[in-house]
Amino acid sequence: MSIPRFKLITSNSVERFEERLQDFIEQMDRDEMVVDVKFATAALGSTVEFSALMQYQKTEGWS
């Protein structure tokens, strides 16, 4: 069984947040997969912070 891994991605710009998510997905190895995503927003004064906690892990080889 592979060990779960986590990556926290945040930004107060929706465009930058999307770029960071895309960069993370593109940099994943071919044998890694996203297992779960937790998404949240938080008001910070007049801006909004976007956050995603990505859980991912290596896949097992096919038999």
PDB file of N, CA and C in Angstrom:
ATOM      1  N   MET A   1       0.852  -1.183   0.000  1.00  0.00           N
ATOM      2  CA  MET A   1       0.000   0.000   0.000  1.00  0.00           C
ATOM      3  C   MET A   1       0.892   1.239   0.000  1.00  0.00           C
ATOM      4  N   SER A   2       0.556   2.235  -0.822  1.00  0.00           N
ATOM      5  CA  SER A   2       1.374   3.440  -0.877  1.00  0.00           C
ATOM      6  C   SER A   2       0.935   4.448   0.183  1.00  0.00           C
ATOM      7  N   ILE A   3       1.859   5.278   0.559  1.00  0.00           N
ATOM      8  CA  ILE A   3       1.632   6.281   1.592  1.00  0.00           C
ATOM      9  C   ILE A   3       0.981   7.511   0.965  1.00  0.00           C
ATOM     10  N   PRO A   4      -0.120   8.017   1.549  1.00  0.00           N
ATOM     11  CA  PRO A   4      -0.754   9.225   1.016  1.00  0.00           C
ATOM     12  C   PRO A   4       0.186  10.421   1.146  1.00  0.00           C
ATOM     13  N   ARG A   5       0.109  11.302   0.171  1.00  0.00           N
ATOM     14  CA  ARG A   5       0.895  12.536   0.170  1.00  0.00           C
ATOM     15  C   ARG A   5      -0.076  13.697   0.065  1.00  0.00           C
ATOM     16  N   PHE A   6       0.369  14.883   0.521  1.00  0.00           N
ATOM     17  CA  PHE A   6      -0.495  16.050   0.527  1.00  0.00           C
ATOM     18  C   PHE A   6       0.236  17.260  -0.038  1.00  0.00           C
ATOM     19  N   LYS A   7      -0.517  18.134  -0.688  1.00  0.00           N
ATOM     20  CA  LYS A   7       0.012  19.390  -1.221  1.00  0.00           C
ATOM     21  C   LYS A   7      -1.035  20.460  -0.960  1.00  0.00           C
ATOM     22  N   LEU A   8      -0.634  21.551  -0.305  1.00  0.00           N
ATOM     23  CA  LEU A   8      -1.513  22.679  -0.037  1.00  0.00           C
ATOM     24  C   LEU A   8      -1.222  23.767  -1.061  1.00  0.00           C
ATOM     25  N   ILE A   9      -2.244  24.202  -1.753  1.00  0.00           N
ATOM     26  CA  ILE A   9      -2.109  25.243  -2.768  1.00  0.00           C
ATOM     27  C   ILE A   9      -3.013  26.402  -2.363  1.00  0.00           C
ATOM     28  N   THR A  10      -2.456  27.622  -2.318  1.00  0.00           N
ATOM     29  CA  THR A  10      -3.238  28.793  -1.931  1.00  0.00           C
ATOM     30  C   THR A  10      -2.886  29.988  -2.803  1.00  0.00           C
ATOM     31  N   SER A  11      -3.813  30.923  -2.875  1.00  0.00           N
ATOM     32  CA  SER A  11      -3.571  32.200  -3.544  1.00  0.00           C
ATOM     33  C   SER A  11      -4.754  33.113  -3.276  1.00  0.00           C
ATOM     34  N   ASN A  12      -4.510  34.413  -3.344  1.00  0.00           N
ATOM     35  CA  ASN A  12      -5.621  35.361  -3.225  1.00  0.00           C
ATOM     36  C   ASN A  12      -6.025  35.906  -4.594  1.00  0.00           C
ATOM     37  N   SER A  13      -5.479  35.310  -5.652  1.00  0.00           N
ATOM     38  CA  SER A  13      -5.861  35.614  -7.027  1.00  0.00           C
ATOM     39  C   SER A  13      -6.387  34.336  -7.658  1.00  0.00           C
ATOM     40  N   VAL A  14      -7.607  34.366  -8.170  1.00  0.00           N
ATOM     41  CA  VAL A  14      -8.185  33.155  -8.738  1.00  0.00           C
ATOM     42  C   VAL A  14      -7.368  32.666  -9.935  1.00  0.00           C
ATOM     43  N   GLU A  15      -6.852  33.590 -10.738  1.00  0.00           N
ATOM     44  CA  GLU A  15      -6.037  33.186 -11.888  1.00  0.00           C
ATOM     45  C   GLU A  15      -4.758  32.493 -11.431  1.00  0.00           C
ATOM     46  N   ARG A  16      -4.094  33.053 -10.427  1.00  0.00           N
ATOM     47  CA  ARG A  16      -2.859  32.451  -9.915  1.00  0.00           C
ATOM     48  C   ARG A  16      -3.147  31.113  -9.246  1.00  0.00           C
ATOM     49  N   PHE A  17      -4.270  31.023  -8.550  1.00  0.00           N
ATOM     50  CA  PHE A  17      -4.680  29.774  -7.914  1.00  0.00           C
ATOM     51  C   PHE A  17      -4.851  28.675  -8.958  1.00  0.00           C
ATOM     52  N   GLU A  18      -5.538  28.993 -10.057  1.00  0.00           N
ATOM     53  CA  GLU A  18      -5.725  28.024 -11.133  1.00  0.00           C
ATOM     54  C   GLU A  18      -4.391  27.625 -11.756  1.00  0.00           C
ATOM     55  N   GLU A  19      -3.489  28.582 -11.922  1.00  0.00           N
ATOM     56  CA  GLU A  19      -2.156  28.278 -12.465  1.00  0.00           C
ATOM     57  C   GLU A  19      -1.406  27.313 -11.555  1.00  0.00           C
ATOM     58  N   ARG A  20      -1.464  27.560 -10.262  1.00  0.00           N
ATOM     59  CA  ARG A  20      -0.764  26.692  -9.311  1.00  0.00           C
ATOM     60  C   ARG A  20      -1.351  25.284  -9.305  1.00  0.00           C
ATOM     61  N   LEU A  21      -2.679  25.181  -9.386  1.00  0.00           N
ATOM     62  CA  LEU A  21      -3.303  23.859  -9.479  1.00  0.00           C
ATOM     63  C   LEU A  21      -2.841  23.137 -10.739  1.00  0.00           C
ATOM     64  N   GLN A  22      -2.864  23.848 -11.867  1.00  0.00           N
ATOM     65  CA  GLN A  22      -2.452  23.254 -13.135  1.00  0.00           C
ATOM     66  C   GLN A  22      -0.987  22.824 -13.096  1.00  0.00           C
ATOM     67  N   ASP A  23      -0.131  23.677 -12.539  1.00  0.00           N
ATOM     68  CA  ASP A  23       1.293  23.341 -12.426  1.00  0.00           C
ATOM     69  C   ASP A  23       1.493  22.077 -11.599  1.00  0.00           C
ATOM     70  N   PHE A  24       0.766  21.963 -10.496  1.00  0.00           N
ATOM     71  CA  PHE A  24       0.889  20.780  -9.641  1.00  0.00           C
ATOM     72  C   PHE A  24       0.477  19.515 -10.403  1.00  0.00           C
ATOM     73  N   ILE A  25      -0.657  19.563 -11.086  1.00  0.00           N
ATOM     74  CA  ILE A  25      -1.134  18.404 -11.841  1.00  0.00           C
ATOM     75  C   ILE A  25      -0.140  18.020 -12.936  1.00  0.00           C
ATOM     76  N   GLU A  26       0.384  19.017 -13.642  1.00  0.00           N
ATOM     77  CA  GLU A  26       1.334  18.742 -14.725  1.00  0.00           C
ATOM     78  C   GLU A  26       2.645  18.155 -14.222  1.00  0.00           C
ATOM     79  N   GLN A  27       3.050  18.478 -12.989  1.00  0.00           N
ATOM     80  CA  GLN A  27       4.317  17.998 -12.446  1.00  0.00           C
ATOM     81  C   GLN A  27       4.198  16.634 -11.768  1.00  0.00           C
ATOM     82  N   MET A  28       2.989  16.123 -11.647  1.00  0.00           N
ATOM     83  CA  MET A  28       2.822  14.809 -11.027  1.00  0.00           C
ATOM     84  C   MET A  28       3.418  13.742 -11.938  1.00  0.00           C
ATOM     85  N   ASP A  29       3.976  12.691 -11.335  1.00  0.00           N
ATOM     86  CA  ASP A  29       4.471  11.548 -12.101  1.00  0.00           C
ATOM     87  C   ASP A  29       3.293  10.798 -12.718  1.00  0.00           C
ATOM     88  N   ARG A  30       3.575  10.062 -13.766  1.00  0.00           N
ATOM     89  CA  ARG A  30       2.517   9.298 -14.444  1.00  0.00           C
ATOM     90  C   ARG A  30       1.890   8.245 -13.544  1.00  0.00           C
ATOM     91  N   ASP A  31       2.631   7.774 -12.536  1.00  0.00           N
ATOM     92  CA  ASP A  31       2.096   6.749 -11.644  1.00  0.00           C
ATOM     93  C   ASP A  31       1.501   7.327 -10.361  1.00  0.00           C
ATOM     94  N   GLU A  32       1.253   8.636 -10.328  1.00  0.00           N
ATOM     95  CA  GLU A  32       0.592   9.276  -9.192  1.00  0.00           C
ATOM     96  C   GLU A  32      -0.812   9.695  -9.606  1.00  0.00           C
ATOM     97  N   MET A  33      -1.723   9.669  -8.622  1.00  0.00           N
ATOM     98  CA  MET A  33      -3.088  10.088  -8.908  1.00  0.00           C
ATOM     99  C   MET A  33      -3.645  10.894  -7.745  1.00  0.00           C
ATOM    100  N   VAL A  34      -4.524  11.835  -8.062  1.00  0.00           N
ATOM    101  CA  VAL A  34      -5.207  12.628  -7.040  1.00  0.00           C
ATOM    102  C   VAL A  34      -6.295  11.751  -6.439  1.00  0.00           C
ATOM    103  N   VAL A  35      -6.294  11.658  -5.112  1.00  0.00           N
ATOM    104  CA  VAL A  35      -7.257  10.838  -4.391  1.00  0.00           C
ATOM    105  C   VAL A  35      -8.417  11.689  -3.880  1.00  0.00           C
ATOM    106  N   ASP A  36      -8.103  12.912  -3.426  1.00  0.00           N
ATOM    107  CA  ASP A  36      -9.131  13.768  -2.837  1.00  0.00           C
ATOM    108  C   ASP A  36      -8.676  15.214  -2.915  1.00  0.00           C
ATOM    109  N   VAL A  37      -9.642  16.123  -2.967  1.00  0.00           N
ATOM    110  CA  VAL A  37      -9.373  17.555  -2.947  1.00  0.00           C
ATOM    111  C   VAL A  37     -10.331  18.202  -1.958  1.00  0.00           C
ATOM    112  N   LYS A  38      -9.782  18.963  -1.037  1.00  0.00           N
ATOM    113  CA  LYS A  38     -10.586  19.766  -0.115  1.00  0.00           C
ATOM    114  C   LYS A  38     -10.386  21.225  -0.515  1.00  0.00           C
ATOM    115  N   PHE A  39     -11.467  21.937  -0.754  1.00  0.00           N
ATOM    116  CA  PHE A  39     -11.401  23.311  -1.229  1.00  0.00           C
ATOM    117  C   PHE A  39     -12.051  24.238  -0.211  1.00  0.00           C
ATOM    118  N   ALA A  40     -11.453  25.415  -0.019  1.00  0.00           N
ATOM    119  CA  ALA A  40     -12.020  26.396   0.907  1.00  0.00           C
ATOM    120  C   ALA A  40     -11.678  27.802   0.439  1.00  0.00           C
ATOM    121  N   THR A  41     -12.504  28.736   0.866  1.00  0.00           N
ATOM    122  CA  THR A  41     -12.220  30.156   0.652  1.00  0.00           C
ATOM    123  C   THR A  41     -12.291  30.859   1.995  1.00  0.00           C
ATOM    124  N   ALA A  42     -11.560  31.955   2.097  1.00  0.00           N
ATOM    125  CA  ALA A  42     -11.581  32.753   3.322  1.00  0.00           C
ATOM    126  C   ALA A  42     -11.497  34.217   2.947  1.00  0.00           C
ATOM    127  N   ALA A  43     -12.344  35.030   3.569  1.00  0.00           N
ATOM    128  CA  ALA A  43     -12.319  36.472   3.335  1.00  0.00           C
ATOM    129  C   ALA A  43     -11.168  37.080   4.127  1.00  0.00           C
ATOM    130  N   LEU A  44     -10.339  37.833   3.419  1.00  0.00           N
ATOM    131  CA  LEU A  44      -9.215  38.531   4.052  1.00  0.00           C
ATOM    132  C   LEU A  44      -9.322  40.006   3.682  1.00  0.00           C
ATOM    133  N   GLY A  45     -10.009  40.760   4.514  1.00  0.00           N
ATOM    134  CA  GLY A  45     -10.237  42.166   4.189  1.00  0.00           C
ATOM    135  C   GLY A  45     -11.109  42.271   2.953  1.00  0.00           C
ATOM    136  N   SER A  46     -10.582  42.915   1.914  1.00  0.00           N
ATOM    137  CA  SER A  46     -11.355  43.078   0.679  1.00  0.00           C
ATOM    138  C   SER A  46     -11.018  42.018  -0.364  1.00  0.00           C
ATOM    139  N   THR A  47     -10.198  41.028  -0.005  1.00  0.00           N
ATOM    140  CA  THR A  47      -9.841  39.965  -0.950  1.00  0.00           C
ATOM    141  C   THR A  47     -10.326  38.614  -0.432  1.00  0.00           C
ATOM    142  N   VAL A  48     -10.221  37.620  -1.278  1.00  0.00           N
ATOM    143  CA  VAL A  48     -10.594  36.249  -0.924  1.00  0.00           C
ATOM    144  C   VAL A  48      -9.375  35.364  -1.143  1.00  0.00           C
ATOM    145  N   GLU A  49      -9.085  34.508  -0.175  1.00  0.00           N
ATOM    146  CA  GLU A  49      -8.003  33.536  -0.339  1.00  0.00           C
ATOM    147  C   GLU A  49      -8.620  32.191  -0.716  1.00  0.00           C
ATOM    148  N   PHE A  50      -8.093  31.591  -1.780  1.00  0.00           N
ATOM    149  CA  PHE A  50      -8.531  30.293  -2.258  1.00  0.00           C
ATOM    150  C   PHE A  50      -7.512  29.256  -1.800  1.00  0.00           C
ATOM    151  N   SER A  51      -7.992  28.133  -1.273  1.00  0.00           N
ATOM    152  CA  SER A  51      -7.096  27.078  -0.796  1.00  0.00           C
ATOM    153  C   SER A  51      -7.605  25.718  -1.253  1.00  0.00           C
ATOM    154  N   ALA A  52      -6.659  24.855  -1.601  1.00  0.00           N
ATOM    155  CA  ALA A  52      -6.989  23.471  -1.942  1.00  0.00           C
ATOM    156  C   ALA A  52      -5.951  22.567  -1.295  1.00  0.00           C
ATOM    157  N   LEU A  53      -6.419  21.579  -0.571  1.00  0.00           N
ATOM    158  CA  LEU A  53      -5.548  20.550  -0.010  1.00  0.00           C
ATOM    159  C   LEU A  53      -5.704  19.326  -0.900  1.00  0.00           C
ATOM    160  N   MET A  54      -4.632  19.005  -1.619  1.00  0.00           N
ATOM    161  CA  MET A  54      -4.646  17.898  -2.571  1.00  0.00           C
ATOM    162  C   MET A  54      -4.049  16.659  -1.900  1.00  0.00           C
ATOM    163  N   GLN A  55      -4.782  15.570  -1.878  1.00  0.00           N
ATOM    164  CA  GLN A  55      -4.246  14.295  -1.412  1.00  0.00           C
ATOM    165  C   GLN A  55      -3.973  13.453  -2.647  1.00  0.00           C
ATOM    166  N   TYR A  56      -2.760  12.931  -2.740  1.00  0.00           N
ATOM    167  CA  TYR A  56      -2.394  12.121  -3.897  1.00  0.00           C
ATOM    168  C   TYR A  56      -1.501  10.978  -3.451  1.00  0.00           C
ATOM    169  N   GLN A  57      -1.354   9.986  -4.316  1.00  0.00           N
ATOM    170  CA  GLN A  57      -0.502   8.844  -3.978  1.00  0.00           C
ATOM    171  C   GLN A  57      -0.062   8.134  -5.237  1.00  0.00           C
ATOM    172  N   LYS A  58       0.993   7.351  -5.095  1.00  0.00           N
ATOM    173  CA  LYS A  58       1.460   6.508  -6.187  1.00  0.00           C
ATOM    174  C   LYS A  58       0.478   5.366  -6.373  1.00  0.00           C
ATOM    175  N   THR A  59       0.269   4.976  -7.615  1.00  0.00           N
ATOM    176  CA  THR A  59      -0.613   3.843  -7.891  1.00  0.00           C
ATOM    177  C   THR A  59       0.194   2.556  -7.809  1.00  0.00           C
ATOM    178  N   GLU A  60      -0.496   1.479  -7.528  1.00  0.00           N
ATOM    179  CA  GLU A  60       0.117   0.157  -7.513  1.00  0.00           C
ATOM    180  C   GLU A  60       0.246  -0.306  -8.961  1.00  0.00           C
ATOM    181  N   GLY A  61       1.242  -1.119  -9.257  1.00  0.00           N
ATOM    182  CA  GLY A  61       1.403  -1.657 -10.595  1.00  0.00           C
ATOM    183  C   GLY A  61       0.289  -2.619 -10.951  1.00  0.00           C
ATOM    184  N   TRP A  62      -0.038  -2.680 -12.230  1.00  0.00           N
ATOM    185  CA  TRP A  62      -1.075  -3.612 -12.696  1.00  0.00           C
ATOM    186  C   TRP A  62      -0.511  -5.034 -12.704  1.00  0.00           C
ATOM    187  N   SER A  63      -1.308  -5.982 -12.318  1.00  0.00           N
ATOM    188  CA  SER A  63      -0.884  -7.393 -12.299  1.00  0.00           C
ATOM    189  C   SER A  63      -1.024  -8.016 -13.665  1.00  0.00           C
TER     190      SER A  63
END
